[in-house]
Amino acid sequence: EIYTLSLHDALPIFDTAPAFDLAGVVRSMRALGKTDDEVFGELRSALECNASIADGVSDLLEALRREGAMQLLDGVVKFLEARHRGVDARTYDALMMWHSKRGHFGEVSALGERCQEVVTPKMRIMLVGAALRQSRLSDALQHVNLLPRKTAASNANTPPQAMVARLLSLAAREQRLHDAIR
């Protein structure tokens, strides 16, 4: 019979946590059959009991992104944000993409609100798309206006044609084509 301790039971409280692979601990818990909710509960409890564990969180975020454990990643990010801990742009980008693919456009918009200081042009385009899917023309136009201007060297900051068509269609329905064309 295998007995597994809670993550926080296994780690004594130190002023600074000894170096250990937090991502490896989480990977092991998942391999033992723990659900994402159980893993997150253990992780949250450990971080609440010993804040110095948070020093290994950036490696954990990267590992969760790489492994596609997006539900767990989403929970960890919300936990970190509640404690005013920084989250990198790549993590927000991955979560926006995940929520977009699942049709959770409100979540995409909420992420955009929470990570305004690290929004990349790619993320900005996802925010335009999310606003359009929610028929929020003003928000979509605001995100378009915040995109860096197109240069000869890069088309990466340009929304896809289908998105532009959706924007113009919504603007026409709302009789605001003049706002969209500007």
C-alpha atoms as a PDB file:
ATOM      1  CA  GLU A   1       0.000   0.000   0.000  1.00  0.00           C
ATOM      2  CA  ILE A   2       1.321   3.419  -0.933  1.00  0.00           C
ATOM      3  CA  TYR A   3       0.814   6.280   1.497  1.00  0.00           C
ATOM      4  CA  THR A   4       1.333   9.733   0.080  1.00  0.00           C
ATOM      5  CA  LEU A   5       1.701  12.713   2.315  1.00  0.00           C
ATOM      6  CA  SER A   6       0.281  16.047   1.427  1.00  0.00           C
ATOM      7  CA  LEU A   7       2.811  18.273  -0.276  1.00  0.00           C
ATOM      8  CA  HIS A   8       2.786  20.678   2.649  1.00  0.00           C
ATOM      9  CA  ASP A   9       3.195  17.835   5.182  1.00  0.00           C
ATOM     10  CA  ALA A  10       6.289  16.630   3.370  1.00  0.00           C
ATOM     11  CA  LEU A  11       7.986  20.019   3.368  1.00  0.00           C
ATOM     12  CA  PRO A  12       9.121  21.603   6.617  1.00  0.00           C
ATOM     13  CA  ILE A  13       8.707  25.360   6.997  1.00  0.00           C
ATOM     14  CA  PHE A  14      11.933  27.258   6.354  1.00  0.00           C
ATOM     15  CA  ASP A  15      12.726  30.936   5.997  1.00  0.00           C
ATOM     16  CA  THR A  16      13.926  29.959   2.557  1.00  0.00           C
ATOM     17  CA  ALA A  17      12.882  26.708   0.980  1.00  0.00           C
ATOM     18  CA  PRO A  18      15.570  24.224   0.048  1.00  0.00           C
ATOM     19  CA  ALA A  19      15.927  23.807  -3.678  1.00  0.00           C
ATOM     20  CA  PHE A  20      13.615  21.153  -5.086  1.00  0.00           C
ATOM     21  CA  ASP A  21      11.795  20.499  -8.311  1.00  0.00           C
ATOM     22  CA  LEU A  22       8.235  21.747  -7.684  1.00  0.00           C
ATOM     23  CA  ALA A  23       7.271  20.806 -11.235  1.00  0.00           C
ATOM     24  CA  GLY A  24       8.579  17.287 -10.611  1.00  0.00           C
ATOM     25  CA  VAL A  25       6.535  16.987  -7.415  1.00  0.00           C
ATOM     26  CA  VAL A  26       3.389  18.068  -9.277  1.00  0.00           C
ATOM     27  CA  ARG A  27       4.183  15.711 -12.182  1.00  0.00           C
ATOM     28  CA  SER A  28       4.581  12.838  -9.694  1.00  0.00           C
ATOM     29  CA  MET A  29       1.284  13.628  -7.995  1.00  0.00           C
ATOM     30  CA  ARG A  30      -0.474  13.582 -11.376  1.00  0.00           C
ATOM     31  CA  ALA A  31       1.270  10.318 -12.314  1.00  0.00           C
ATOM     32  CA  LEU A  32      -0.047   8.794  -9.064  1.00  0.00           C
ATOM     33  CA  GLY A  33      -3.566   9.535 -10.290  1.00  0.00           C
ATOM     34  CA  LYS A  34      -4.368  12.712  -8.405  1.00  0.00           C
ATOM     35  CA  THR A  35      -6.821  14.948 -10.233  1.00  0.00           C
ATOM     36  CA  ASP A  36      -5.882  18.491 -11.204  1.00  0.00           C
ATOM     37  CA  ASP A  37      -8.177  19.755  -8.448  1.00  0.00           C
ATOM     38  CA  GLU A  38      -6.441  17.556  -5.868  1.00  0.00           C
ATOM     39  CA  VAL A  39      -3.000  18.590  -7.103  1.00  0.00           C
ATOM     40  CA  PHE A  40      -3.989  22.253  -7.033  1.00  0.00           C
ATOM     41  CA  GLY A  41      -5.416  21.885  -3.507  1.00  0.00           C
ATOM     42  CA  GLU A  42      -2.153  20.363  -2.287  1.00  0.00           C
ATOM     43  CA  LEU A  43      -0.092  22.991  -4.074  1.00  0.00           C
ATOM     44  CA  ARG A  44      -2.220  25.845  -2.727  1.00  0.00           C
ATOM     45  CA  SER A  45      -2.004  24.452   0.788  1.00  0.00           C
ATOM     46  CA  ALA A  46       1.777  24.083   0.533  1.00  0.00           C
ATOM     47  CA  LEU A  47       2.205  27.632  -0.784  1.00  0.00           C
ATOM     48  CA  GLU A  48      -0.032  29.026   1.958  1.00  0.00           C
ATOM     49  CA  CYS A  49       1.946  27.174   4.627  1.00  0.00           C
ATOM     50  CA  ASN A  50       5.371  27.990   3.211  1.00  0.00           C
ATOM     51  CA  ALA A  51       5.498  31.024   0.912  1.00  0.00           C
ATOM     52  CA  SER A  52       9.174  30.446   0.101  1.00  0.00           C
ATOM     53  CA  ILE A  53       8.097  27.482  -2.063  1.00  0.00           C
ATOM     54  CA  ALA A  54       6.816  30.074  -4.553  1.00  0.00           C
ATOM     55  CA  ASP A  55      10.406  30.630  -5.691  1.00  0.00           C
ATOM     56  CA  GLY A  56      10.073  27.477  -7.828  1.00  0.00           C
ATOM     57  CA  VAL A  57       6.772  28.481  -9.386  1.00  0.00           C
ATOM     58  CA  SER A  58       8.164  29.900 -12.650  1.00  0.00           C
ATOM     59  CA  ASP A  59       9.585  26.454 -13.534  1.00  0.00           C
ATOM     60  CA  LEU A  60       6.227  24.925 -12.609  1.00  0.00           C
ATOM     61  CA  LEU A  61       4.344  27.337 -14.889  1.00  0.00           C
ATOM     62  CA  GLU A  62       6.646  26.468 -17.783  1.00  0.00           C
ATOM     63  CA  ALA A  63       6.246  22.731 -17.158  1.00  0.00           C
ATOM     64  CA  LEU A  64       2.448  22.964 -16.978  1.00  0.00           C
ATOM     65  CA  ARG A  65       2.399  24.929 -20.266  1.00  0.00           C
ATOM     66  CA  ARG A  66       4.668  22.404 -21.931  1.00  0.00           C
ATOM     67  CA  GLU A  67       2.597  19.448 -20.670  1.00  0.00           C
ATOM     68  CA  GLY A  68      -0.704  21.074 -21.650  1.00  0.00           C
ATOM     69  CA  ALA A  69      -2.069  20.958 -18.083  1.00  0.00           C
ATOM     70  CA  MET A  70      -4.058  24.113 -18.748  1.00  0.00           C
ATOM     71  CA  GLN A  71      -6.772  23.701 -16.117  1.00  0.00           C
ATOM     72  CA  LEU A  72      -4.130  23.299 -13.436  1.00  0.00           C
ATOM     73  CA  LEU A  73      -2.132  26.176 -14.921  1.00  0.00           C
ATOM     74  CA  ASP A  74      -5.227  28.390 -14.836  1.00  0.00           C
ATOM     75  CA  GLY A  75      -5.776  27.656 -11.149  1.00  0.00           C
ATOM     76  CA  VAL A  76      -2.129  28.279 -10.254  1.00  0.00           C
ATOM     77  CA  VAL A  77      -2.131  31.605 -12.145  1.00  0.00           C
ATOM     78  CA  LYS A  78      -5.286  32.807 -10.373  1.00  0.00           C
ATOM     79  CA  PHE A  79      -3.738  31.812  -7.044  1.00  0.00           C
ATOM     80  CA  LEU A  80      -0.520  33.697  -7.821  1.00  0.00           C
ATOM     81  CA  GLU A  81      -2.416  36.784  -8.994  1.00  0.00           C
ATOM     82  CA  ALA A  82      -4.419  36.831  -5.767  1.00  0.00           C
ATOM     83  CA  ARG A  83      -1.105  36.994  -3.911  1.00  0.00           C
ATOM     84  CA  HIS A  84       0.295  39.675  -6.222  1.00  0.00           C
ATOM     85  CA  ARG A  85       2.941  37.367  -7.649  1.00  0.00           C
ATOM     86  CA  GLY A  86       4.123  38.004 -11.192  1.00  0.00           C
ATOM     87  CA  VAL A  87       3.143  35.747 -14.082  1.00  0.00           C
ATOM     88  CA  ASP A  88       5.031  35.800 -17.378  1.00  0.00           C
ATOM     89  CA  ALA A  89       3.537  36.784 -20.747  1.00  0.00           C
ATOM     90  CA  ARG A  90       4.025  33.293 -22.222  1.00  0.00           C
ATOM     91  CA  THR A  91       1.793  31.827 -19.533  1.00  0.00           C
ATOM     92  CA  TYR A  92      -0.931  34.409 -20.156  1.00  0.00           C
ATOM     93  CA  ASP A  93      -0.591  33.825 -23.900  1.00  0.00           C
ATOM     94  CA  ALA A  94      -1.038  30.063 -23.457  1.00  0.00           C
ATOM     95  CA  LEU A  95      -4.083  30.559 -21.231  1.00  0.00           C
ATOM     96  CA  MET A  96      -5.657  33.021 -23.677  1.00  0.00           C
ATOM     97  CA  MET A  97      -5.150  30.549 -26.518  1.00  0.00           C
ATOM     98  CA  TRP A  98      -6.637  27.719 -24.441  1.00  0.00           C
ATOM     99  CA  HIS A  99      -9.690  29.733 -23.447  1.00  0.00           C
ATOM    100  CA  SER A 100     -10.132  30.974 -27.042  1.00  0.00           C
ATOM    101  CA  LYS A 101     -10.117  27.429 -28.402  1.00  0.00           C
ATOM    102  CA  ARG A 102     -12.706  26.411 -25.812  1.00  0.00           C
ATOM    103  CA  GLY A 103     -14.941  29.365 -26.716  1.00  0.00           C
ATOM    104  CA  HIS A 104     -14.515  31.006 -23.313  1.00  0.00           C
ATOM    105  CA  PHE A 105     -14.210  34.530 -24.658  1.00  0.00           C
ATOM    106  CA  GLY A 106     -15.183  36.124 -21.350  1.00  0.00           C
ATOM    107  CA  GLU A 107     -12.176  34.379 -19.765  1.00  0.00           C
ATOM    108  CA  VAL A 108      -9.919  35.682 -22.533  1.00  0.00           C
ATOM    109  CA  SER A 109     -11.143  39.229 -21.835  1.00  0.00           C
ATOM    110  CA  ALA A 110     -10.717  38.753 -18.090  1.00  0.00           C
ATOM    111  CA  LEU A 111      -7.134  37.572 -18.617  1.00  0.00           C
ATOM    112  CA  GLY A 112      -6.483  40.657 -20.727  1.00  0.00           C
ATOM    113  CA  GLU A 113      -7.677  42.849 -17.876  1.00  0.00           C
ATOM    114  CA  ARG A 114      -5.459  41.047 -15.384  1.00  0.00           C
ATOM    115  CA  CYS A 115      -2.264  41.107 -17.458  1.00  0.00           C
ATOM    116  CA  GLN A 116      -2.374  44.523 -19.129  1.00  0.00           C
ATOM    117  CA  GLU A 117       1.300  45.243 -18.474  1.00  0.00           C
ATOM    118  CA  VAL A 118       2.525  42.166 -20.400  1.00  0.00           C
ATOM    119  CA  VAL A 119       0.094  42.023 -23.348  1.00  0.00           C
ATOM    120  CA  THR A 120       1.908  41.187 -26.580  1.00  0.00           C
ATOM    121  CA  PRO A 121       0.589  42.009 -30.077  1.00  0.00           C
ATOM    122  CA  LYS A 122      -0.440  38.358 -30.504  1.00  0.00           C
ATOM    123  CA  MET A 123      -2.388  38.502 -27.241  1.00  0.00           C
ATOM    124  CA  ARG A 124      -3.914  41.819 -28.294  1.00  0.00           C
ATOM    125  CA  ILE A 125      -5.258  40.171 -31.470  1.00  0.00           C
ATOM    126  CA  MET A 126      -6.782  37.389 -29.340  1.00  0.00           C
ATOM    127  CA  LEU A 127      -8.422  40.101 -27.223  1.00  0.00           C
ATOM    128  CA  VAL A 128      -9.865  41.723 -30.366  1.00  0.00           C
ATOM    129  CA  GLY A 129     -11.288  38.344 -31.375  1.00  0.00           C
ATOM    130  CA  ALA A 130     -12.749  37.721 -27.916  1.00  0.00           C
ATOM    131  CA  ALA A 131     -14.390  41.152 -27.842  1.00  0.00           C
ATOM    132  CA  LEU A 132     -15.896  40.565 -31.291  1.00  0.00           C
ATOM    133  CA  ARG A 133     -17.225  37.137 -30.266  1.00  0.00           C
ATOM    134  CA  GLN A 134     -18.970  38.880 -27.375  1.00  0.00           C
ATOM    135  CA  SER A 135     -20.301  41.650 -29.702  1.00  0.00           C
ATOM    136  CA  ARG A 136     -18.316  44.257 -27.761  1.00  0.00           C
ATOM    137  CA  LEU A 137     -17.340  46.631 -30.551  1.00  0.00           C
ATOM    138  CA  SER A 138     -15.925  49.355 -28.307  1.00  0.00           C
ATOM    139  CA  ASP A 139     -13.582  46.883 -26.611  1.00  0.00           C
ATOM    140  CA  ALA A 140     -12.526  45.422 -29.961  1.00  0.00           C
ATOM    141  CA  LEU A 141     -11.761  48.874 -31.356  1.00  0.00           C
ATOM    142  CA  GLN A 142      -9.820  49.790 -28.232  1.00  0.00           C
ATOM    143  CA  HIS A 143      -7.625  46.692 -28.632  1.00  0.00           C
ATOM    144  CA  VAL A 144      -7.128  47.392 -32.351  1.00  0.00           C
ATOM    145  CA  ASN A 145      -6.007  50.924 -31.498  1.00  0.00           C
ATOM    146  CA  LEU A 146      -3.490  49.539 -28.997  1.00  0.00           C
ATOM    147  CA  LEU A 147      -1.848  47.280 -31.587  1.00  0.00           C
ATOM    148  CA  PRO A 148       1.557  48.498 -32.738  1.00  0.00           C
ATOM    149  CA  ARG A 149       1.369  50.012 -36.206  1.00  0.00           C
ATOM    150  CA  LYS A 150       2.171  47.767 -39.140  1.00  0.00           C
ATOM    151  CA  THR A 151       5.695  48.067 -40.477  1.00  0.00           C
ATOM    152  CA  ALA A 152       7.213  46.894 -43.743  1.00  0.00           C
ATOM    153  CA  ALA A 153       9.148  44.255 -41.805  1.00  0.00           C
ATOM    154  CA  SER A 154       6.179  42.757 -39.949  1.00  0.00           C
ATOM    155  CA  ASN A 155       2.604  41.766 -40.631  1.00  0.00           C
ATOM    156  CA  ALA A 156       2.407  39.960 -37.273  1.00  0.00           C
ATOM    157  CA  ASN A 157       0.495  42.856 -35.712  1.00  0.00           C
ATOM    158  CA  THR A 158      -2.316  42.720 -38.266  1.00  0.00           C
ATOM    159  CA  PRO A 159      -5.583  40.948 -37.409  1.00  0.00           C
ATOM    160  CA  PRO A 160      -6.572  38.211 -39.881  1.00  0.00           C
ATOM    161  CA  GLN A 161      -8.945  39.190 -42.675  1.00  0.00           C
ATOM    162  CA  ALA A 162     -11.820  37.187 -41.172  1.00  0.00           C
ATOM    163  CA  MET A 163     -11.448  39.145 -37.934  1.00  0.00           C
ATOM    164  CA  VAL A 164     -11.417  42.460 -39.819  1.00  0.00           C
ATOM    165  CA  ALA A 165     -14.566  41.367 -41.674  1.00  0.00           C
ATOM    166  CA  ARG A 166     -16.250  40.476 -38.380  1.00  0.00           C
ATOM    167  CA  LEU A 167     -15.254  43.863 -36.938  1.00  0.00           C
ATOM    168  CA  LEU A 168     -16.673  45.731 -39.939  1.00  0.00           C
ATOM    169  CA  SER A 169     -19.857  43.655 -39.855  1.00  0.00           C
ATOM    170  CA  LEU A 170     -20.418  44.411 -36.175  1.00  0.00           C
ATOM    171  CA  ALA A 171     -19.649  48.081 -36.747  1.00  0.00           C
ATOM    172  CA  ALA A 172     -22.195  48.191 -39.596  1.00  0.00           C
ATOM    173  CA  ARG A 173     -24.863  46.547 -37.415  1.00  0.00           C
ATOM    174  CA  GLU A 174     -24.218  49.124 -34.710  1.00  0.00           C
ATOM    175  CA  GLN A 175     -24.072  51.925 -37.293  1.00  0.00           C
ATOM    176  CA  ARG A 176     -20.517  52.757 -36.266  1.00  0.00           C
ATOM    177  CA  LEU A 177     -18.581  52.101 -39.470  1.00  0.00           C
ATOM    178  CA  HIS A 178     -16.918  55.514 -39.167  1.00  0.00           C
ATOM    179  CA  ASP A 179     -15.377  54.380 -35.810  1.00  0.00           C
ATOM    180  CA  ALA A 180     -14.142  51.096 -37.288  1.00  0.00           C
ATOM    181  CA  ILE A 181     -12.621  52.672 -40.396  1.00  0.00           C
ATOM    182  CA  ARG A 182     -10.650  55.223 -38.382  1.00  0.00           C
END
